Amino acid sequence: MKKHRSRIAVFAIVGLLAATGVRAQHPVIAEALGAMRIDSMMTWVGQLSGEVPVTINGAGHTLLSRHKNNAGNDLAQAWLQSKLEQLGYSPVVQSFSSTGKNILVTKPGDGSTDEIVIICAHYDAMPAGSLNAPAADDDGSGVCAVLEAARVLRDIPFVHPIVFALWDEEEQGKIGSIFYAGGMAANDARIKAVIDMDAMRLRW
């Protein structure tokens, strides 16, 4: 299941390229698909779901749960920030409650348009309480597909700006993404397409 979900990243990139006006058989598509590494995504899913320990600020941790009230969710947020920094980005943390934090990075476009493309997934998980919530498939695999898309697309120029977004508190009613969408609407931001790595909805 994890490997199947990780392969969704390939289709996400194809969808992104279509959304930004690059047609099938274009060499950019071949370059992006050729750069995909499912093994790296599998490794990241193992780390994010607690199968493999991670290092955060020099200390070892195991991410046993990503429920919003579990300390593991804050650790996951810190780990995801560090992964995006390692990929060459400057992540921004968007706090929207005492516990909720979206993680956002933006890859600039060529300056000809401010219509953005969003590639997103949620990193929080269920259930609450004393049970572990490793959530490899909901939505660890989607999160790691977003990371892989960020890695592959980093140095490929696009017309549209790309926002790689990792939502928090989606299990409580899509709180993180609704907060982000509200801010975008209030600022009359223009969104060209959304590639949602949770339910794999492509919109443009």
Protein backbone atom coordinates (compact mmCIF):
# COMPACT_ATOMS: atom_id res chain seq x y z
CA MET A 1 0.00 0.00 0.00
CA LYS A 2 2.79 2.42 0.88
CA LYS A 3 4.60 1.77 -2.38
CA HIS A 4 1.36 2.19 -4.33
CA ARG A 5 0.61 5.50 -2.63
CA SER A 6 4.19 6.69 -3.11
CA ARG A 7 3.83 6.16 -6.85
CA ILE A 8 1.04 8.76 -6.78
CA ALA A 9 3.82 11.36 -6.72
CA VAL A 10 4.60 10.46 -10.33
CA PHE A 11 1.03 11.27 -11.36
CA ALA A 12 1.05 14.41 -9.24
CA ILE A 13 4.02 15.73 -11.16
CA VAL A 14 2.39 14.85 -14.48
CA GLY A 15 -0.74 16.67 -13.31
CA LEU A 16 1.32 19.67 -12.27
CA LEU A 17 3.03 19.82 -15.63
CA ALA A 18 -0.31 19.64 -17.38
CA ALA A 19 -1.69 22.38 -15.16
CA THR A 20 1.20 24.65 -16.00
CA GLY A 21 0.87 24.19 -19.72
CA VAL A 22 3.57 21.57 -20.41
CA ARG A 23 2.24 18.91 -22.76
CA ALA A 24 2.79 15.15 -22.88
CA GLN A 25 6.08 13.99 -24.36
CA HIS A 26 7.73 17.24 -23.33
CA PRO A 27 11.32 16.66 -22.17
CA VAL A 28 10.57 18.37 -18.86
CA ILE A 29 8.12 15.57 -18.06
CA ALA A 30 10.71 12.93 -18.89
CA GLU A 31 13.26 14.75 -16.72
CA ALA A 32 10.89 14.94 -13.75
CA LEU A 33 9.72 11.34 -13.99
CA GLY A 34 13.27 10.11 -14.44
CA ALA A 35 14.32 11.87 -11.25
CA MET A 36 11.64 10.22 -9.09
CA ARG A 37 12.99 7.94 -6.35
CA ILE A 38 10.43 5.66 -4.74
CA ASP A 39 13.09 4.26 -2.39
CA SER A 40 13.63 7.67 -0.83
CA MET A 41 9.89 8.13 -0.36
CA MET A 42 9.65 4.71 1.28
CA THR A 43 12.45 5.67 3.66
CA TRP A 44 10.71 8.92 4.57
CA VAL A 45 7.38 7.11 5.16
CA GLY A 46 9.18 4.71 7.50
CA GLN A 47 10.60 7.63 9.44
CA LEU A 48 7.37 9.62 9.55
CA SER A 49 5.31 6.59 10.67
CA GLY A 50 7.65 5.59 13.48
CA GLU A 51 9.14 2.48 11.87
CA VAL A 52 12.57 4.12 11.73
CA PRO A 53 13.94 6.64 14.30
CA VAL A 54 14.66 10.19 13.15
CA THR A 55 17.14 12.83 14.26
CA ILE A 56 15.77 16.26 15.16
CA ASN A 57 18.15 18.97 16.34
CA GLY A 58 20.79 16.36 17.07
CA ALA A 59 18.55 14.13 19.20
CA GLY A 60 17.00 10.79 18.28
CA HIS A 61 13.21 10.39 18.28
CA THR A 62 10.58 7.90 17.18
CA LEU A 63 7.41 9.47 15.77
CA LEU A 64 4.82 7.13 17.26
CA SER A 65 1.82 9.42 16.86
CA ARG A 66 0.95 12.55 14.89
CA HIS A 67 -2.37 13.30 16.57
CA LYS A 68 -2.68 17.02 17.27
CA ASN A 69 -2.55 16.50 21.06
CA ASN A 70 0.45 14.19 20.97
CA ALA A 71 4.01 15.48 21.30
CA GLY A 72 4.85 13.44 18.22
CA ASN A 73 2.96 15.90 16.03
CA ASP A 74 5.25 18.76 17.06
CA LEU A 75 8.24 16.48 16.46
CA ALA A 76 6.87 15.59 13.01
CA GLN A 77 6.51 19.27 12.21
CA ALA A 78 10.13 19.93 13.22
CA TRP A 79 11.34 16.93 11.20
CA LEU A 80 9.41 18.01 8.10
CA GLN A 81 10.81 21.52 8.37
CA SER A 82 14.33 20.11 8.53
CA LYS A 83 13.69 17.87 5.51
CA LEU A 84 12.49 20.83 3.45
CA GLU A 85 15.52 22.84 4.54
CA GLN A 86 17.77 19.97 3.43
CA LEU A 87 16.03 20.12 0.05
CA GLY A 88 17.06 23.76 -0.29
CA TYR A 89 13.87 25.54 0.76
CA SER A 90 13.04 28.04 3.51
CA PRO A 91 9.86 26.67 5.09
CA VAL A 92 7.35 28.99 6.74
CA VAL A 93 5.29 27.76 9.70
CA GLN A 94 1.73 29.09 9.62
CA SER A 95 0.28 28.84 13.15
CA PHE A 96 -3.51 28.91 13.34
CA SER A 97 -4.25 27.59 16.86
CA SER A 98 -2.42 26.65 20.06
CA THR A 99 -1.53 23.31 18.46
CA GLY A 100 -2.04 23.74 14.69
CA LYS A 101 0.85 24.54 12.37
CA ASN A 102 0.86 24.36 8.58
CA ILE A 103 4.25 24.08 6.86
CA LEU A 104 4.61 26.01 3.60
CA VAL A 105 7.36 26.53 1.04
CA THR A 106 7.12 28.47 -2.19
CA LYS A 107 9.05 27.88 -5.38
CA PRO A 108 8.91 31.12 -7.40
CA GLY A 109 7.64 31.13 -10.97
CA ASP A 110 9.12 33.11 -13.83
CA GLY A 111 7.39 36.34 -12.76
CA SER A 112 4.88 36.42 -15.60
CA THR A 113 1.91 35.39 -13.43
CA ASP A 114 0.94 35.29 -9.77
CA GLU A 115 -1.40 32.31 -10.24
CA ILE A 116 -0.04 29.60 -7.95
CA VAL A 117 -0.11 25.82 -8.10
CA ILE A 118 -0.45 24.03 -4.75
CA ILE A 119 0.81 20.50 -4.03
CA CYS A 120 -0.41 19.46 -0.58
CA ALA A 121 -1.00 16.73 2.01
CA HIS A 122 -1.73 16.61 5.74
CA TYR A 123 0.77 15.38 8.30
CA ASP A 124 -1.46 15.02 11.37
CA ALA A 125 -3.12 11.71 12.19
CA MET A 126 -5.72 9.80 14.17
CA PRO A 127 -6.60 8.25 16.64
CA ALA A 128 -6.18 10.24 19.84
CA GLY A 129 -5.46 8.85 23.30
CA SER A 130 -2.76 6.39 24.28
CA LEU A 131 -2.86 4.48 20.98
CA ASN A 132 -0.13 4.99 18.43
CA ALA A 133 -1.13 6.85 15.28
CA PRO A 134 1.62 6.07 12.78
CA ALA A 135 -0.65 6.84 9.80
CA ALA A 136 1.67 5.61 7.07
CA ASP A 137 -1.14 5.76 4.51
CA ASP A 138 -3.22 8.59 6.01
CA ASP A 139 -1.38 10.62 5.16
CA GLY A 140 2.29 9.79 5.64
CA SER A 141 2.67 8.53 2.07
CA GLY A 142 1.04 11.67 0.70
CA VAL A 143 3.32 13.90 2.78
CA CYS A 144 6.39 12.06 1.52
CA ALA A 145 5.13 12.33 -2.06
CA VAL A 146 4.95 16.10 -1.57
CA LEU A 147 8.53 16.05 -0.26
CA GLU A 148 9.63 14.08 -3.32
CA ALA A 149 7.82 16.48 -5.64
CA ALA A 150 9.59 19.36 -3.88
CA ARG A 151 12.94 17.62 -4.39
CA VAL A 152 12.37 16.75 -8.05
CA LEU A 153 10.89 20.10 -9.07
CA ARG A 154 13.30 22.34 -7.15
CA ASP A 155 15.56 23.18 -10.06
CA ILE A 156 13.02 22.90 -12.89
CA PRO A 157 11.74 26.35 -13.97
CA PHE A 158 7.99 26.90 -14.17
CA VAL A 159 5.76 29.76 -15.22
CA HIS A 160 3.58 29.48 -12.14
CA PRO A 161 4.79 29.72 -8.53
CA ILE A 162 4.44 26.39 -6.72
CA VAL A 163 3.45 26.11 -3.06
CA PHE A 164 4.30 22.85 -1.32
CA ALA A 165 1.90 22.76 1.65
CA LEU A 166 1.73 20.33 4.57
CA TRP A 167 -1.48 20.82 6.53
CA ASP A 168 -2.04 20.21 10.24
CA GLU A 169 -5.28 19.31 12.06
CA GLU A 170 -6.99 18.06 8.91
CA GLU A 171 -8.39 15.13 10.88
CA GLN A 172 -10.37 17.61 12.98
CA GLY A 173 -12.27 18.93 9.96
CA LYS A 174 -9.68 20.21 7.47
CA ILE A 175 -8.82 23.03 9.87
CA GLY A 176 -5.33 23.73 8.55
CA SER A 177 -6.25 23.89 4.88
CA ILE A 178 -9.40 25.92 5.58
CA PHE A 179 -7.33 28.46 7.50
CA TYR A 180 -4.89 28.74 4.60
CA ALA A 181 -7.70 28.99 2.04
CA GLY A 182 -9.38 31.73 4.08
CA GLY A 183 -6.21 33.79 4.09
CA MET A 184 -5.75 33.32 0.37
CA ALA A 185 -9.34 34.37 -0.31
CA ALA A 186 -9.01 37.44 1.92
CA ASN A 187 -5.98 38.52 -0.10
CA ASP A 188 -7.65 37.78 -3.46
CA ALA A 189 -4.89 35.31 -4.23
CA ARG A 190 -5.11 33.52 -7.56
CA ILE A 191 -4.84 29.72 -7.56
CA LYS A 192 -4.30 27.94 -10.86
CA ALA A 193 -4.44 24.34 -9.59
CA VAL A 194 -4.44 22.20 -6.44
CA ILE A 195 -2.95 18.71 -6.32
CA ASP A 196 -4.22 17.13 -3.10
CA MET A 197 -2.10 14.13 -2.13
CA ASP A 198 -4.66 12.90 0.39
CA ALA A 199 -7.58 12.01 -1.86
CA MET A 200 -5.64 12.73 -5.07
CA ARG A 201 -7.96 15.44 -6.38
CA LEU A 202 -6.61 17.39 -9.34
CA ARG A 203 -8.25 20.78 -9.88
CA TRP A 204 -7.53 23.51 -12.43
